[in-house]
Each structure stands twice: as C-alpha cells, then as structure tokens.
Amino acid sequence: MTTTEKIANAKKRIDELERLIKYWNDSERDEAKIVNFNINIVNKAA
C-alpha cells in the first residue's frame, strides 16, 4: 500500500468518525428533548 493510499484511507476513517460524532451529539440533544417531561409521583400508603 502506497503512502497516498494510506492517507486516503485515513481521511475516510476521519470523515466517518466526524459523522459519528455529529450523529451522537445530535441524538443526545434529541434525547434531552424527549426525556424532558414532568412526572407526577404520588405516594400511597397501604
């Protein structure tokens, strides 16, 4: 494998990692919106 091929493969991996990081960051924001709801807790004694 030539140096040029190694660089091209490394660039592809970096691009994939950047896409994953962006996806994870976006999904964390979406989860925060979904999870952010009120919960009514009622304590009942038997």
Protein backbone atom coordinates (compact mmCIF):
# COMPACT_ATOMS: atom_id res chain seq x y z
CA MET A 1 0.00 0.00 0.00
CA THR A 2 1.43 3.34 -1.01
CA THR A 3 1.60 6.41 1.20
CA THR A 4 -1.08 8.07 -0.91
CA GLU A 5 -3.45 5.13 -0.34
CA LYS A 6 -2.74 5.17 3.39
CA ILE A 7 -3.54 8.89 3.54
CA ALA A 8 -6.76 8.37 1.57
CA ASN A 9 -7.86 5.56 3.90
CA ALA A 10 -7.04 7.63 6.98
CA LYS A 11 -9.07 10.54 5.57
CA LYS A 12 -12.06 8.20 5.04
CA ARG A 13 -11.82 6.97 8.64
CA ILE A 14 -11.58 10.53 9.96
CA ASP A 15 -14.66 11.53 7.93
CA GLU A 16 -16.58 8.52 9.30
CA LEU A 17 -15.61 9.40 12.86
CA GLU A 18 -16.66 13.02 12.37
CA ARG A 19 -20.05 11.87 11.06
CA LEU A 20 -20.47 9.55 14.07
CA ILE A 21 -19.56 12.34 16.50
CA LYS A 22 -22.08 14.68 14.84
CA TYR A 23 -24.74 11.94 14.93
CA TRP A 24 -24.09 11.24 18.64
CA ASN A 25 -24.21 14.94 19.50
CA ASP A 26 -27.47 15.38 17.59
CA SER A 27 -29.04 12.30 19.17
CA GLU A 28 -28.09 13.50 22.67
CA ARG A 29 -29.93 16.76 22.04
CA ASP A 30 -32.97 14.87 20.73
CA GLU A 31 -32.99 12.56 23.76
CA ALA A 32 -32.81 15.56 26.07
CA LYS A 33 -35.92 16.98 24.38
CA ILE A 34 -37.75 13.66 24.62
CA VAL A 35 -36.80 12.91 28.22
CA ASN A 36 -37.57 16.40 29.47
CA PHE A 37 -41.14 15.88 30.70
CA ASN A 38 -42.95 16.24 34.01
CA ILE A 39 -43.55 13.21 36.17
CA ASN A 40 -46.24 13.23 38.84
CA ILE A 41 -45.30 10.96 41.72
CA VAL A 42 -47.98 10.03 44.19
CA ASN A 43 -47.00 8.31 47.42
CA LYS A 44 -49.69 5.91 48.55
CA ALA A 45 -49.65 4.20 51.89
CA ALA A 46 -51.20 0.78 52.19
